[in-house]
């Protein structure tokens, strides 16, 4: 059992091992419910109607691709089109 502390703005830190076990990332959404005197926090994946083809696996790949781009490891679109033969 992990013990946490509520911060100044009602923030609760999720212990690292739980965070990693749930494959959570900074910025992920959670659902928070109160049942009697118990608070339940569940990982939530929000999907727009237009994004119904984005699977959790694809979302992970997109996050990795975005990280590569931010790290300067991207390529120009024209070069990508040539490689993909578009």
Protein backbone atom coordinates (compact mmCIF):
# COMPACT_ATOMS: atom_id res chain seq x y z
CA UNK A 1 0.00 0.00 0.00
CA UNK A 2 1.32 3.42 -0.94
CA UNK A 3 0.80 6.54 1.15
CA UNK A 4 0.37 9.88 -0.59
CA UNK A 5 -0.13 13.48 0.39
CA UNK A 6 -2.53 16.06 -0.99
CA UNK A 7 -0.74 19.15 -2.32
CA UNK A 8 -1.65 22.83 -2.21
CA UNK A 9 -3.99 22.65 -5.20
CA UNK A 10 -5.64 19.33 -4.21
CA UNK A 11 -3.07 17.45 -6.30
CA UNK A 12 -2.30 13.83 -5.48
CA UNK A 13 0.89 12.15 -6.70
CA UNK A 14 0.46 8.65 -8.10
CA UNK A 15 3.36 6.47 -6.91
CA UNK A 16 5.87 5.74 -9.68
CA UNK A 17 5.45 1.94 -9.63
CA UNK A 18 1.65 2.22 -9.99
CA UNK A 19 2.00 4.93 -12.66
CA UNK A 20 4.34 2.71 -14.70
CA UNK A 21 2.31 -0.48 -14.15
CA UNK A 22 -0.73 1.30 -15.62
CA UNK A 23 1.39 2.58 -18.55
CA UNK A 24 0.38 6.14 -17.71
CA UNK A 25 1.99 9.26 -19.15
CA UNK A 26 2.08 12.88 -18.07
CA UNK A 27 -1.03 14.57 -19.46
CA UNK A 28 -3.18 11.40 -19.48
CA UNK A 29 -6.76 11.73 -18.29
CA UNK A 30 -8.19 9.96 -15.26
CA UNK A 31 -11.74 9.36 -14.08
CA UNK A 32 -12.31 10.21 -10.41
CA UNK A 33 -15.29 8.79 -8.52
CA UNK A 34 -16.37 8.85 -4.91
CA UNK A 35 -18.00 5.75 -3.47
CA UNK A 36 -19.03 6.16 0.16
CA UNK A 37 -15.79 7.43 1.72
CA UNK A 38 -13.46 5.97 -0.93
CA UNK A 39 -11.95 7.87 -3.88
CA UNK A 40 -11.40 5.78 -7.00
CA UNK A 41 -9.02 6.98 -9.74
CA UNK A 42 -9.12 5.15 -13.09
CA UNK A 43 -6.97 5.72 -16.15
CA UNK A 44 -9.19 7.05 -18.93
CA UNK A 45 -8.57 7.15 -22.67
CA UNK A 46 -10.64 9.87 -24.33
CA UNK A 47 -11.45 9.35 -27.99
CA UNK A 48 -13.21 11.75 -30.34
CA UNK A 49 -15.69 10.28 -32.82
CA UNK A 50 -13.25 11.06 -35.64
CA UNK A 51 -10.40 9.30 -33.84
CA UNK A 52 -12.05 5.90 -33.38
CA UNK A 53 -9.35 4.22 -35.48
CA UNK A 54 -6.59 5.25 -33.04
CA UNK A 55 -5.85 2.15 -30.98
CA UNK A 56 -3.81 2.28 -27.76
CA UNK A 57 -0.89 0.73 -29.70
CA UNK A 58 -1.11 3.41 -32.41
CA UNK A 59 -1.41 6.14 -29.76
CA UNK A 60 1.84 4.86 -28.19
CA UNK A 61 3.56 4.89 -31.60
CA UNK A 62 2.31 8.44 -32.25
CA UNK A 63 3.67 9.62 -28.87
CA UNK A 64 7.05 8.05 -29.71
CA UNK A 65 7.06 9.70 -33.15
CA UNK A 66 6.19 13.07 -31.63
CA UNK A 67 9.08 12.67 -29.16
CA UNK A 68 11.48 11.91 -32.04
CA UNK A 69 10.31 15.02 -33.90
CA UNK A 70 10.73 17.18 -30.79
CA UNK A 71 14.24 15.77 -30.41
CA UNK A 72 15.05 16.94 -33.94
CA UNK A 73 15.06 13.44 -35.43
CA UNK A 74 12.26 14.09 -37.93
CA UNK A 75 12.59 14.38 -41.70
CA UNK A 76 10.95 16.83 -44.13
CA UNK A 77 7.59 15.75 -45.59
CA UNK A 78 8.97 15.66 -49.15
CA UNK A 79 11.62 13.15 -48.07
CA UNK A 80 9.05 11.07 -46.18
CA UNK A 81 6.80 10.98 -49.28
CA UNK A 82 9.70 9.69 -51.38
CA UNK A 83 10.49 6.96 -48.85
CA UNK A 84 6.82 5.96 -48.69
CA UNK A 85 6.48 6.23 -52.49
CA UNK A 86 3.47 8.54 -52.25
